[in-house]
Amino acid sequence: MSWLTNMTALVIIAPVLIFTVTFMVTQHMTKRTPKAVKRSADVTTFFLILADHFFMIVLFDQSFLLYILLLLFLIGILFVALYAKSQGDINFRKVIRGYWRICFFAFAILYLLLFVIGIVKSIVLVF
């Protein structure tokens, strides 16, 4: 059972490590901070989604994977609709990149929220 706990902890911590390493490598290679942040966000998004899923399992003893997939779907529909309305013509490369970065932002906020909930829950359990 210890290996399962260790793997879960690794998956939950992975987005921070992956973002940091990707940022440092890209920053070193390109010397451009905005590009490094964008590339790091692109690489980290999948790991944030996975970490949020495992975070929810650890905190609430229940899988919310279906809700996460539904959220991804709804964000996609909303983003494509707004993009099509504002631009008229859909550039799929820009749409996919924008969608992926909005997902990064949404799941990063969820990650931080779950982190705070986990800390509060741990403090409450101690007292």
C-alpha atoms as a PDB file:
ATOM      1  CA  MET A   1       0.000   0.000   0.000  1.00  0.00           C
ATOM      2  CA  SER A   2       2.961   2.295   0.554  1.00  0.00           C
ATOM      3  CA  TRP A   3       3.822   2.341  -3.157  1.00  0.00           C
ATOM      4  CA  LEU A   4       0.297   3.527  -3.976  1.00  0.00           C
ATOM      5  CA  THR A   5       0.607   6.388  -1.508  1.00  0.00           C
ATOM      6  CA  ASN A   6       4.003   7.301  -2.905  1.00  0.00           C
ATOM      7  CA  MET A   7       2.746   7.246  -6.496  1.00  0.00           C
ATOM      8  CA  THR A   8      -0.255   9.385  -5.588  1.00  0.00           C
ATOM      9  CA  ALA A   9       1.992  11.901  -3.850  1.00  0.00           C
ATOM     10  CA  LEU A  10       4.291  11.955  -6.887  1.00  0.00           C
ATOM     11  CA  VAL A  11       1.385  12.569  -9.264  1.00  0.00           C
ATOM     12  CA  ILE A  12       0.095  15.390  -7.041  1.00  0.00           C
ATOM     13  CA  ILE A  13       3.528  17.066  -6.842  1.00  0.00           C
ATOM     14  CA  ALA A  14       4.454  16.443 -10.515  1.00  0.00           C
ATOM     15  CA  PRO A  15       2.855  19.598 -12.022  1.00  0.00           C
ATOM     16  CA  VAL A  16       4.973  21.907  -9.892  1.00  0.00           C
ATOM     17  CA  LEU A  17       8.153  20.022 -10.730  1.00  0.00           C
ATOM     18  CA  ILE A  18       7.338  19.735 -14.436  1.00  0.00           C
ATOM     19  CA  PHE A  19       6.439  23.421 -14.711  1.00  0.00           C
ATOM     20  CA  THR A  20       9.642  24.455 -12.957  1.00  0.00           C
ATOM     21  CA  VAL A  21      11.926  22.198 -14.999  1.00  0.00           C
ATOM     22  CA  THR A  22      10.247  23.103 -18.296  1.00  0.00           C
ATOM     23  CA  PHE A  23      10.431  26.792 -17.458  1.00  0.00           C
ATOM     24  CA  MET A  24      14.111  26.627 -16.541  1.00  0.00           C
ATOM     25  CA  VAL A  25      15.066  24.633 -19.645  1.00  0.00           C
ATOM     26  CA  THR A  26      13.042  26.824 -22.016  1.00  0.00           C
ATOM     27  CA  GLN A  27      14.277  30.012 -20.356  1.00  0.00           C
ATOM     28  CA  HIS A  28      17.857  28.829 -20.735  1.00  0.00           C
ATOM     29  CA  MET A  29      17.380  27.829 -24.381  1.00  0.00           C
ATOM     30  CA  THR A  30      15.366  30.841 -25.613  1.00  0.00           C
ATOM     31  CA  LYS A  31      16.273  33.578 -23.107  1.00  0.00           C
ATOM     32  CA  ARG A  32      12.656  34.732 -23.402  1.00  0.00           C
ATOM     33  CA  THR A  33      10.570  34.581 -20.232  1.00  0.00           C
ATOM     34  CA  PRO A  34       7.092  34.917 -21.851  1.00  0.00           C
ATOM     35  CA  LYS A  35       7.821  32.042 -24.217  1.00  0.00           C
ATOM     36  CA  ALA A  36       9.153  29.951 -21.328  1.00  0.00           C
ATOM     37  CA  VAL A  37       5.988  30.549 -19.283  1.00  0.00           C
ATOM     38  CA  LYS A  38       3.715  29.664 -22.205  1.00  0.00           C
ATOM     39  CA  ARG A  39       5.620  26.506 -23.090  1.00  0.00           C
ATOM     40  CA  SER A  40       5.695  25.443 -19.424  1.00  0.00           C
ATOM     41  CA  ALA A  41       1.953  25.967 -19.162  1.00  0.00           C
ATOM     42  CA  ASP A  42       1.376  23.908 -22.313  1.00  0.00           C
ATOM     43  CA  VAL A  43       3.479  21.023 -21.010  1.00  0.00           C
ATOM     44  CA  THR A  44       2.056  21.119 -17.487  1.00  0.00           C
ATOM     45  CA  THR A  45      -1.680  21.229 -18.286  1.00  0.00           C
ATOM     46  CA  PHE A  46      -2.150  17.474 -18.684  1.00  0.00           C
ATOM     47  CA  PHE A  47      -0.302  16.825 -15.432  1.00  0.00           C
ATOM     48  CA  LEU A  48      -2.429  19.427 -13.619  1.00  0.00           C
ATOM     49  CA  ILE A  49      -5.608  17.709 -14.761  1.00  0.00           C
ATOM     50  CA  LEU A  50      -4.266  14.351 -13.582  1.00  0.00           C
ATOM     51  CA  ALA A  51      -3.051  15.815 -10.277  1.00  0.00           C
ATOM     52  CA  ASP A  52      -6.410  17.479  -9.616  1.00  0.00           C
ATOM     53  CA  HIS A  53      -8.116  14.145 -10.170  1.00  0.00           C
ATOM     54  CA  PHE A  54      -5.852  12.390  -7.665  1.00  0.00           C
ATOM     55  CA  PHE A  55      -6.048  15.323  -5.254  1.00  0.00           C
ATOM     56  CA  MET A  56      -9.847  14.984  -5.214  1.00  0.00           C
ATOM     57  CA  ILE A  57      -9.623  11.244  -4.605  1.00  0.00           C
ATOM     58  CA  VAL A  58      -7.277  11.806  -1.659  1.00  0.00           C
ATOM     59  CA  LEU A  59      -9.316  14.644  -0.133  1.00  0.00           C
ATOM     60  CA  PHE A  60     -12.855  13.431  -0.749  1.00  0.00           C
ATOM     61  CA  ASP A  61     -12.427   9.632  -1.149  1.00  0.00           C
ATOM     62  CA  GLN A  62     -14.315   9.832  -4.411  1.00  0.00           C
ATOM     63  CA  SER A  63     -13.412  10.132  -8.086  1.00  0.00           C
ATOM     64  CA  PHE A  64     -14.600  13.233  -9.890  1.00  0.00           C
ATOM     65  CA  LEU A  65     -13.136  12.217 -13.245  1.00  0.00           C
ATOM     66  CA  LEU A  66     -16.485  12.427 -15.032  1.00  0.00           C
ATOM     67  CA  TYR A  67     -16.972  15.984 -13.753  1.00  0.00           C
ATOM     68  CA  ILE A  68     -13.427  16.911 -14.817  1.00  0.00           C
ATOM     69  CA  LEU A  69     -14.095  15.584 -18.320  1.00  0.00           C
ATOM     70  CA  LEU A  70     -17.411  17.448 -18.401  1.00  0.00           C
ATOM     71  CA  LEU A  71     -15.626  20.653 -17.336  1.00  0.00           C
ATOM     72  CA  LEU A  72     -13.048  20.170 -20.109  1.00  0.00           C
ATOM     73  CA  PHE A  73     -15.835  19.656 -22.634  1.00  0.00           C
ATOM     74  CA  LEU A  74     -17.777  22.728 -21.478  1.00  0.00           C
ATOM     75  CA  ILE A  75     -14.668  24.926 -21.496  1.00  0.00           C
ATOM     76  CA  GLY A  76     -13.994  23.739 -25.051  1.00  0.00           C
ATOM     77  CA  ILE A  77     -17.495  24.472 -26.285  1.00  0.00           C
ATOM     78  CA  LEU A  78     -17.550  27.898 -24.641  1.00  0.00           C
ATOM     79  CA  PHE A  79     -14.113  28.831 -25.950  1.00  0.00           C
ATOM     80  CA  VAL A  80     -14.865  27.756 -29.529  1.00  0.00           C
ATOM     81  CA  ALA A  81     -18.204  29.574 -29.487  1.00  0.00           C
ATOM     82  CA  LEU A  82     -16.656  32.806 -28.176  1.00  0.00           C
ATOM     83  CA  TYR A  83     -13.735  32.568 -30.596  1.00  0.00           C
ATOM     84  CA  ALA A  84     -16.036  31.966 -33.558  1.00  0.00           C
ATOM     85  CA  LYS A  85     -18.245  34.876 -32.553  1.00  0.00           C
ATOM     86  CA  SER A  86     -15.340  37.298 -32.164  1.00  0.00           C
ATOM     87  CA  GLN A  87     -13.186  36.186 -35.127  1.00  0.00           C
ATOM     88  CA  GLY A  88     -15.750  34.767 -37.519  1.00  0.00           C
ATOM     89  CA  ASP A  89     -13.334  32.231 -38.982  1.00  0.00           C
ATOM     90  CA  ILE A  90     -11.920  29.497 -36.752  1.00  0.00           C
ATOM     91  CA  ASN A  91      -8.156  29.025 -36.787  1.00  0.00           C
ATOM     92  CA  PHE A  92      -7.878  25.581 -35.193  1.00  0.00           C
ATOM     93  CA  ARG A  93      -4.252  26.018 -34.123  1.00  0.00           C
ATOM     94  CA  LYS A  94      -5.087  29.186 -32.190  1.00  0.00           C
ATOM     95  CA  VAL A  95      -8.280  27.687 -30.789  1.00  0.00           C
ATOM     96  CA  ILE A  96      -6.547  24.579 -29.493  1.00  0.00           C
ATOM     97  CA  ARG A  97      -3.675  26.583 -28.014  1.00  0.00           C
ATOM     98  CA  GLY A  98      -6.075  29.035 -26.349  1.00  0.00           C
ATOM     99  CA  TYR A  99      -8.275  26.219 -25.051  1.00  0.00           C
ATOM    100  CA  TRP A 100      -5.257  24.403 -23.612  1.00  0.00           C
ATOM    101  CA  ARG A 101      -4.029  27.548 -21.855  1.00  0.00           C
ATOM    102  CA  ILE A 102      -7.458  28.304 -20.414  1.00  0.00           C
ATOM    103  CA  CYS A 103      -7.506  24.731 -19.123  1.00  0.00           C
ATOM    104  CA  PHE A 104      -4.095  25.349 -17.555  1.00  0.00           C
ATOM    105  CA  PHE A 105      -5.400  28.447 -15.794  1.00  0.00           C
ATOM    106  CA  ALA A 106      -8.614  26.760 -14.605  1.00  0.00           C
ATOM    107  CA  PHE A 107      -6.899  23.611 -13.346  1.00  0.00           C
ATOM    108  CA  ALA A 108      -4.056  25.578 -11.739  1.00  0.00           C
ATOM    109  CA  ILE A 109      -6.626  27.515  -9.727  1.00  0.00           C
ATOM    110  CA  LEU A 110      -8.387  24.256  -8.844  1.00  0.00           C
ATOM    111  CA  TYR A 111      -5.011  22.749  -7.855  1.00  0.00           C
ATOM    112  CA  LEU A 112      -4.298  25.663  -5.495  1.00  0.00           C
ATOM    113  CA  LEU A 113      -7.819  25.488  -4.067  1.00  0.00           C
ATOM    114  CA  LEU A 114      -7.484  21.754  -3.428  1.00  0.00           C
ATOM    115  CA  PHE A 115      -4.077  22.368  -1.844  1.00  0.00           C
ATOM    116  CA  VAL A 116      -5.602  24.878   0.593  1.00  0.00           C
ATOM    117  CA  ILE A 117      -8.527  22.539   1.314  1.00  0.00           C
ATOM    118  CA  GLY A 118      -6.049  19.747   2.047  1.00  0.00           C
ATOM    119  CA  ILE A 119      -4.102  21.926   4.478  1.00  0.00           C
ATOM    120  CA  VAL A 120      -7.263  23.077   6.255  1.00  0.00           C
ATOM    121  CA  LYS A 121      -8.569  19.516   6.417  1.00  0.00           C
ATOM    122  CA  SER A 122      -5.274  18.321   7.926  1.00  0.00           C
ATOM    123  CA  ILE A 123      -5.298  21.097  10.529  1.00  0.00           C
ATOM    124  CA  VAL A 124      -8.901  20.342  11.471  1.00  0.00           C
ATOM    125  CA  LEU A 125      -8.114  16.624  11.858  1.00  0.00           C
ATOM    126  CA  VAL A 126      -5.202  17.392  14.205  1.00  0.00           C
ATOM    127  CA  PHE A 127      -7.316  19.518  16.537  1.00  0.00           C
END
